[in-house]
């Protein structure tokens, strides 16, 4: 089992309940592919470094999880089609 960190930026024009629902979808993807979530760090609404889809802000969330080495590619292929996720990045953390 490897340790990973997933950074997700969600669209800022969502209401709080919709934002939480999108975050739960992402967490469900992690657990669906055998991952165990260790920590969820919500940074809130932040300004983007550059404009994406005519948006200048986004809700930043970082999720630390452990999973098998095949899980990140499966999670990325599913998270790519989530409509309200602007950007995502999964990195492997060193032990």
C-alpha atoms as a PDB file:
ATOM      1  CA  UNK A   1       0.000   0.000   0.000  1.00  0.00           C
ATOM      2  CA  UNK A   2       1.303   3.397  -1.018  1.00  0.00           C
ATOM      3  CA  UNK A   3       0.464   6.784   0.448  1.00  0.00           C
ATOM      4  CA  UNK A   4      -0.992   9.413  -1.901  1.00  0.00           C
ATOM      5  CA  UNK A   5      -2.281  12.966  -1.793  1.00  0.00           C
ATOM      6  CA  UNK A   6      -5.108  14.143  -4.039  1.00  0.00           C
ATOM      7  CA  UNK A   7      -5.559  17.860  -4.651  1.00  0.00           C
ATOM      8  CA  UNK A   8      -8.976  18.858  -5.990  1.00  0.00           C
ATOM      9  CA  UNK A   9     -10.295  22.254  -7.063  1.00  0.00           C
ATOM     10  CA  UNK A  10     -14.095  22.487  -7.205  1.00  0.00           C
ATOM     11  CA  UNK A  11     -16.074  25.240  -8.976  1.00  0.00           C
ATOM     12  CA  UNK A  12     -16.695  28.253  -6.693  1.00  0.00           C
ATOM     13  CA  UNK A  13     -20.259  29.004  -7.852  1.00  0.00           C
ATOM     14  CA  UNK A  14     -21.714  25.956  -6.051  1.00  0.00           C
ATOM     15  CA  UNK A  15     -23.689  26.221  -2.839  1.00  0.00           C
ATOM     16  CA  UNK A  16     -22.161  24.679   0.276  1.00  0.00           C
ATOM     17  CA  UNK A  17     -24.334  21.538   0.115  1.00  0.00           C
ATOM     18  CA  UNK A  18     -23.457  20.955  -3.552  1.00  0.00           C
ATOM     19  CA  UNK A  19     -19.765  21.465  -2.807  1.00  0.00           C
ATOM     20  CA  UNK A  20     -19.928  18.899   0.019  1.00  0.00           C
ATOM     21  CA  UNK A  21     -21.745  16.473  -2.312  1.00  0.00           C
ATOM     22  CA  UNK A  22     -18.993  16.789  -4.943  1.00  0.00           C
ATOM     23  CA  UNK A  23     -16.339  16.212  -2.290  1.00  0.00           C
ATOM     24  CA  UNK A  24     -18.207  13.118  -1.095  1.00  0.00           C
ATOM     25  CA  UNK A  25     -18.262  11.806  -4.684  1.00  0.00           C
ATOM     26  CA  UNK A  26     -14.482  12.144  -4.850  1.00  0.00           C
ATOM     27  CA  UNK A  27     -14.048  10.424  -1.483  1.00  0.00           C
ATOM     28  CA  UNK A  28     -16.378   7.632  -2.627  1.00  0.00           C
ATOM     29  CA  UNK A  29     -14.142   7.083  -5.668  1.00  0.00           C
ATOM     30  CA  UNK A  30     -11.134   6.626  -3.403  1.00  0.00           C
ATOM     31  CA  UNK A  31     -12.851   4.073  -1.173  1.00  0.00           C
ATOM     32  CA  UNK A  32     -14.420   2.333  -4.192  1.00  0.00           C
ATOM     33  CA  UNK A  33     -10.973   1.420  -5.505  1.00  0.00           C
ATOM     34  CA  UNK A  34      -9.659   0.127  -2.186  1.00  0.00           C
ATOM     35  CA  UNK A  35      -8.243   3.338  -0.752  1.00  0.00           C
ATOM     36  CA  UNK A  36      -8.377   4.324   2.908  1.00  0.00           C
ATOM     37  CA  UNK A  37      -8.768   8.044   3.553  1.00  0.00           C
ATOM     38  CA  UNK A  38      -6.467   9.292   6.298  1.00  0.00           C
ATOM     39  CA  UNK A  39      -6.988  13.057   6.248  1.00  0.00           C
ATOM     40  CA  UNK A  40      -9.171  15.619   4.464  1.00  0.00           C
ATOM     41  CA  UNK A  41      -7.824  19.173   4.499  1.00  0.00           C
ATOM     42  CA  UNK A  42     -10.270  21.780   3.192  1.00  0.00           C
ATOM     43  CA  UNK A  43      -8.622  25.096   2.360  1.00  0.00           C
ATOM     44  CA  UNK A  44     -11.819  26.826   1.284  1.00  0.00           C
ATOM     45  CA  UNK A  45     -12.203  29.324  -1.548  1.00  0.00           C
ATOM     46  CA  UNK A  46      -8.877  30.571  -2.938  1.00  0.00           C
ATOM     47  CA  UNK A  47      -7.816  32.583  -5.945  1.00  0.00           C
ATOM     48  CA  UNK A  48      -6.509  30.526  -8.865  1.00  0.00           C
ATOM     49  CA  UNK A  49      -3.040  31.215 -10.258  1.00  0.00           C
ATOM     50  CA  UNK A  50      -4.587  31.651 -13.716  1.00  0.00           C
ATOM     51  CA  UNK A  51      -8.090  31.727 -15.162  1.00  0.00           C
ATOM     52  CA  UNK A  52      -9.658  28.318 -15.867  1.00  0.00           C
ATOM     53  CA  UNK A  53     -12.955  28.085 -17.763  1.00  0.00           C
ATOM     54  CA  UNK A  54     -13.444  31.840 -17.102  1.00  0.00           C
ATOM     55  CA  UNK A  55     -13.218  31.224 -13.334  1.00  0.00           C
ATOM     56  CA  UNK A  56     -10.741  33.031 -11.089  1.00  0.00           C
ATOM     57  CA  UNK A  57     -11.485  31.207  -7.795  1.00  0.00           C
ATOM     58  CA  UNK A  58     -12.072  27.652  -6.623  1.00  0.00           C
ATOM     59  CA  UNK A  59     -12.617  25.518  -3.518  1.00  0.00           C
ATOM     60  CA  UNK A  60      -9.347  23.749  -2.684  1.00  0.00           C
ATOM     61  CA  UNK A  61      -9.329  20.383  -0.901  1.00  0.00           C
ATOM     62  CA  UNK A  62      -6.440  18.001  -0.242  1.00  0.00           C
ATOM     63  CA  UNK A  63      -7.098  14.342   0.621  1.00  0.00           C
ATOM     64  CA  UNK A  64      -4.378  12.057   1.985  1.00  0.00           C
ATOM     65  CA  UNK A  65      -5.062   8.356   1.456  1.00  0.00           C
ATOM     66  CA  UNK A  66      -3.417   4.951   1.192  1.00  0.00           C
ATOM     67  CA  UNK A  67      -4.179   2.654  -1.711  1.00  0.00           C
ATOM     68  CA  UNK A  68      -2.831   0.017  -4.053  1.00  0.00           C
ATOM     69  CA  UNK A  69      -0.574   1.224  -6.872  1.00  0.00           C
ATOM     70  CA  UNK A  70      -3.339   0.721  -9.476  1.00  0.00           C
ATOM     71  CA  UNK A  71      -5.868   2.916  -7.656  1.00  0.00           C
ATOM     72  CA  UNK A  72      -4.602   6.392  -8.724  1.00  0.00           C
ATOM     73  CA  UNK A  73      -5.037   5.681 -12.431  1.00  0.00           C
ATOM     74  CA  UNK A  74      -8.568   4.355 -11.822  1.00  0.00           C
ATOM     75  CA  UNK A  75      -9.454   7.377  -9.658  1.00  0.00           C
ATOM     76  CA  UNK A  76      -8.079   9.813 -12.256  1.00  0.00           C
ATOM     77  CA  UNK A  77     -10.043   8.187 -15.076  1.00  0.00           C
ATOM     78  CA  UNK A  78     -13.289   8.623 -13.079  1.00  0.00           C
ATOM     79  CA  UNK A  79     -12.595  12.076 -11.588  1.00  0.00           C
ATOM     80  CA  UNK A  80     -11.844  13.429 -15.072  1.00  0.00           C
ATOM     81  CA  UNK A  81     -15.553  13.295 -15.958  1.00  0.00           C
ATOM     82  CA  UNK A  82     -16.887  14.886 -12.747  1.00  0.00           C
ATOM     83  CA  UNK A  83     -18.391  18.106 -14.056  1.00  0.00           C
ATOM     84  CA  UNK A  84     -17.778  20.434 -11.089  1.00  0.00           C
ATOM     85  CA  UNK A  85     -14.108  19.514 -10.601  1.00  0.00           C
ATOM     86  CA  UNK A  86     -11.934  22.124 -12.313  1.00  0.00           C
ATOM     87  CA  UNK A  87      -8.522  20.528 -11.665  1.00  0.00           C
ATOM     88  CA  UNK A  88      -7.109  17.530  -9.791  1.00  0.00           C
ATOM     89  CA  UNK A  89      -3.692  16.058  -9.115  1.00  0.00           C
ATOM     90  CA  UNK A  90      -2.641  12.832  -7.397  1.00  0.00           C
ATOM     91  CA  UNK A  91       0.912  12.551  -6.118  1.00  0.00           C
ATOM     92  CA  UNK A  92       2.621   9.691  -4.314  1.00  0.00           C
ATOM     93  CA  UNK A  93       4.083  10.653  -0.950  1.00  0.00           C
ATOM     94  CA  UNK A  94       7.459   9.210   0.010  1.00  0.00           C
ATOM     95  CA  UNK A  95       7.672   7.055   3.116  1.00  0.00           C
END
